[in-house]
């Protein structure tokens, strides 16, 4: 179990690092969006490539940060119900959810999306818009993002089992790394 906890910490660090890096993509998307709007208004011209880059960046932020969101326990939960349950029951519900819903979904999305990514890469698929971008990089975000989410699900599973065995402290409280969250505790 100790080796699994080391793996869990490694996965947590990976998703935390990805989350910190991907946060910069929000700034890039904002700057590109603002620049595109200014050029469109001042010069009465636009670029489909810049519009598509905004979409690609949004997809990257949304998909790549999902694992970090799960790590921080910042995803949507039904707290009205779970708050009334014991910590042990909540841990068992988390284990059930990861095993029966999260991990099967991750496997399904990766197995269905990977052939699409491979085909887009092999054919050099391009956007149908004039001046559009190649598609495989944005399509590759789907299996990559779900792989990170699946790894984090595995980490959460390990932590819940370790907690139930009394090996670690409660892993369920939100572990938000943002300064605002630290100030409110």
Protein backbone atom coordinates (compact mmCIF):
# COMPACT_ATOMS: atom_id res chain seq x y z
CA UNK A 1 0.00 0.00 0.00
CA UNK A 2 2.92 2.35 0.68
CA UNK A 3 4.06 2.06 -2.95
CA UNK A 4 0.54 2.85 -4.10
CA UNK A 5 0.52 5.95 -1.88
CA UNK A 6 3.83 7.03 -3.48
CA UNK A 7 2.18 6.57 -6.88
CA UNK A 8 -0.79 8.61 -5.68
CA UNK A 9 1.49 11.47 -4.57
CA UNK A 10 3.26 11.36 -7.94
CA UNK A 11 -0.08 11.56 -9.79
CA UNK A 12 -1.17 14.43 -7.52
CA UNK A 13 2.05 16.33 -8.29
CA UNK A 14 1.63 15.71 -12.03
CA UNK A 15 -1.93 17.04 -12.10
CA UNK A 16 -1.02 20.00 -9.87
CA UNK A 17 1.82 20.92 -12.24
CA UNK A 18 -0.42 20.57 -15.30
CA UNK A 19 -3.06 22.70 -13.57
CA UNK A 20 -0.56 25.47 -12.85
CA UNK A 21 0.80 25.39 -16.41
CA UNK A 22 -2.62 25.29 -18.07
CA UNK A 23 -3.75 28.34 -16.09
CA UNK A 24 -1.43 30.39 -18.32
CA UNK A 25 -3.43 29.28 -21.35
CA UNK A 26 -6.36 31.32 -20.03
CA UNK A 27 -4.22 34.45 -20.31
CA UNK A 28 -3.13 33.45 -23.81
CA UNK A 29 -6.75 32.93 -24.85
CA UNK A 30 -7.76 36.32 -23.45
CA UNK A 31 -4.89 38.10 -25.22
CA UNK A 32 -5.61 36.39 -28.53
CA UNK A 33 -9.32 37.11 -28.20
CA UNK A 34 -8.70 40.78 -27.39
CA UNK A 35 -6.17 41.13 -30.19
CA UNK A 36 -8.55 39.52 -32.67
CA UNK A 37 -11.38 41.84 -31.58
CA UNK A 38 -9.18 44.95 -31.89
CA UNK A 39 -7.95 43.93 -35.36
CA UNK A 40 -11.51 43.17 -36.46
CA UNK A 41 -12.81 46.58 -35.30
CA UNK A 42 -9.85 48.73 -36.36
CA UNK A 43 -8.82 47.04 -39.59
CA UNK A 44 -12.16 45.41 -40.51
CA UNK A 45 -10.48 42.05 -40.96
CA UNK A 46 -10.38 38.80 -39.04
CA UNK A 47 -8.53 35.51 -38.93
CA UNK A 48 -10.19 32.11 -38.68
CA UNK A 49 -6.90 30.75 -37.37
CA UNK A 50 -7.01 33.14 -34.40
CA UNK A 51 -10.63 32.22 -33.71
CA UNK A 52 -9.76 28.53 -33.81
CA UNK A 53 -6.76 29.04 -31.54
CA UNK A 54 -9.15 30.51 -28.97
CA UNK A 55 -11.31 27.39 -29.21
CA UNK A 56 -8.24 25.15 -28.97
CA UNK A 57 -7.03 26.97 -25.87
CA UNK A 58 -10.47 26.74 -24.25
CA UNK A 59 -10.53 23.00 -24.97
CA UNK A 60 -7.03 22.64 -23.51
CA UNK A 61 -7.97 24.48 -20.33
CA UNK A 62 -11.19 22.57 -19.84
CA UNK A 63 -9.81 19.10 -20.59
CA UNK A 64 -6.32 19.28 -19.11
CA UNK A 65 -7.37 20.78 -15.78
CA UNK A 66 -10.06 18.16 -15.05
CA UNK A 67 -7.59 15.94 -13.18
CA UNK A 68 -6.37 18.84 -11.04
CA UNK A 69 -9.98 19.81 -10.34
CA UNK A 70 -10.62 16.30 -9.03
CA UNK A 71 -7.39 16.44 -7.00
CA UNK A 72 -8.56 19.63 -5.29
CA UNK A 73 -12.06 18.20 -4.76
CA UNK A 74 -13.43 21.20 -6.67
CA UNK A 75 -15.73 19.22 -8.94
CA UNK A 76 -19.50 19.18 -8.61
CA UNK A 77 -20.78 17.07 -5.74
CA UNK A 78 -24.13 16.57 -4.11
CA UNK A 79 -23.08 17.92 -0.72
CA UNK A 80 -26.67 18.18 0.52
CA UNK A 81 -26.80 14.39 0.61
CA UNK A 82 -23.21 13.46 1.36
CA UNK A 83 -22.88 15.95 4.23
CA UNK A 84 -25.42 13.89 6.16
CA UNK A 85 -23.36 10.71 5.78
CA UNK A 86 -20.41 9.52 7.80
CA UNK A 87 -16.90 10.02 6.44
CA UNK A 88 -16.59 6.26 5.95
CA UNK A 89 -19.79 6.16 3.89
CA UNK A 90 -18.57 9.13 1.83
CA UNK A 91 -15.28 7.31 1.18
CA UNK A 92 -17.16 4.19 0.04
CA UNK A 93 -19.35 6.31 -2.24
CA UNK A 94 -16.20 7.87 -3.73
CA UNK A 95 -14.68 4.41 -4.27
CA UNK A 96 -17.89 3.19 -5.92
CA UNK A 97 -18.07 6.29 -8.12
CA UNK A 98 -14.47 6.01 -9.28
CA UNK A 99 -14.69 2.27 -9.99
CA UNK A 100 -18.16 2.15 -11.54
CA UNK A 101 -18.43 5.51 -13.30
CA UNK A 102 -15.21 7.52 -13.62
CA UNK A 103 -12.71 4.85 -14.70
CA UNK A 104 -15.08 3.11 -17.16
CA UNK A 105 -15.91 6.50 -18.71
CA UNK A 106 -12.22 7.34 -19.00
CA UNK A 107 -11.46 4.03 -20.72
CA UNK A 108 -14.41 4.46 -23.09
CA UNK A 109 -13.54 8.06 -24.08
CA UNK A 110 -9.87 7.26 -24.63
CA UNK A 111 -10.61 4.12 -26.65
CA UNK A 112 -13.17 5.94 -28.81
CA UNK A 113 -11.20 9.16 -29.31
CA UNK A 114 -7.73 7.76 -29.95
CA UNK A 115 -8.55 6.36 -33.43
CA UNK A 116 -10.01 9.75 -34.39
CA UNK A 117 -6.80 11.50 -33.30
CA UNK A 118 -4.65 8.96 -35.16
CA UNK A 119 -6.72 9.33 -38.36
CA UNK A 120 -6.60 13.16 -38.17
CA UNK A 121 -2.83 13.02 -37.70
CA UNK A 122 -2.28 10.51 -40.51
CA UNK A 123 -4.42 12.42 -42.99
CA UNK A 124 -3.31 15.88 -41.93
CA UNK A 125 -6.93 16.84 -41.33
CA UNK A 126 -7.52 20.56 -41.47
CA UNK A 127 -10.38 22.76 -40.40
CA UNK A 128 -12.93 23.34 -43.11
CA UNK A 129 -12.77 27.09 -42.45
CA UNK A 130 -10.61 29.22 -44.72
CA UNK A 131 -7.27 29.71 -43.00
CA UNK A 132 -8.21 27.11 -40.40
CA UNK A 133 -5.78 25.03 -38.39
CA UNK A 134 -4.80 21.39 -38.32
CA UNK A 135 -7.15 19.33 -36.17
CA UNK A 136 -5.11 16.58 -34.56
CA UNK A 137 -3.60 18.73 -31.75
CA UNK A 138 -7.01 19.77 -30.43
CA UNK A 139 -8.40 16.27 -30.92
CA UNK A 140 -5.45 14.84 -28.96
CA UNK A 141 -6.52 16.92 -25.97
CA UNK A 142 -9.49 14.59 -25.45
CA UNK A 143 -7.58 11.35 -24.71
CA UNK A 144 -4.83 13.30 -22.93
CA UNK A 145 -7.26 15.15 -20.67
CA UNK A 146 -9.17 11.98 -19.87
CA UNK A 147 -5.92 10.13 -19.18
CA UNK A 148 -5.00 12.78 -16.61
CA UNK A 149 -8.50 12.55 -15.14
CA UNK A 150 -8.26 8.75 -14.99
CA UNK A 151 -4.88 8.91 -13.28
CA UNK A 152 -6.31 11.30 -10.71
CA UNK A 153 -9.27 8.98 -10.22
CA UNK A 154 -6.80 6.18 -9.50
CA UNK A 155 -5.00 8.45 -7.03
CA UNK A 156 -8.26 9.30 -5.27
CA UNK A 157 -9.15 5.61 -5.13
CA UNK A 158 -5.80 4.79 -3.53
CA UNK A 159 -6.23 7.58 -0.97
CA UNK A 160 -9.76 6.51 -0.01
CA UNK A 161 -8.70 2.89 0.50
CA UNK A 162 -5.63 3.99 2.49
CA UNK A 163 -7.82 6.22 4.67
CA UNK A 164 -10.30 3.41 5.29
CA UNK A 165 -7.33 1.25 6.40
CA UNK A 166 -6.14 4.02 8.74
CA UNK A 167 -2.90 4.69 6.88
CA UNK A 168 -3.45 8.39 6.06
CA UNK A 169 -5.52 11.32 7.25
CA UNK A 170 -8.83 12.15 5.60
CA UNK A 171 -8.17 12.88 1.89
CA UNK A 172 -11.66 14.27 1.24
CA UNK A 173 -11.38 17.91 2.40
CA UNK A 174 -10.82 20.38 -0.42
CA UNK A 175 -7.15 20.95 -1.03
CA UNK A 176 -7.26 24.13 -3.04
CA UNK A 177 -3.83 25.62 -3.72
CA UNK A 178 -5.07 29.10 -4.55
CA UNK A 179 -4.15 31.95 -2.17
CA UNK A 180 -7.81 32.97 -1.85
CA UNK A 181 -8.74 29.50 -0.63
CA UNK A 182 -5.92 29.51 1.93
CA UNK A 183 -7.11 32.84 3.30
CA UNK A 184 -10.63 31.55 3.93
CA UNK A 185 -9.58 28.59 6.05
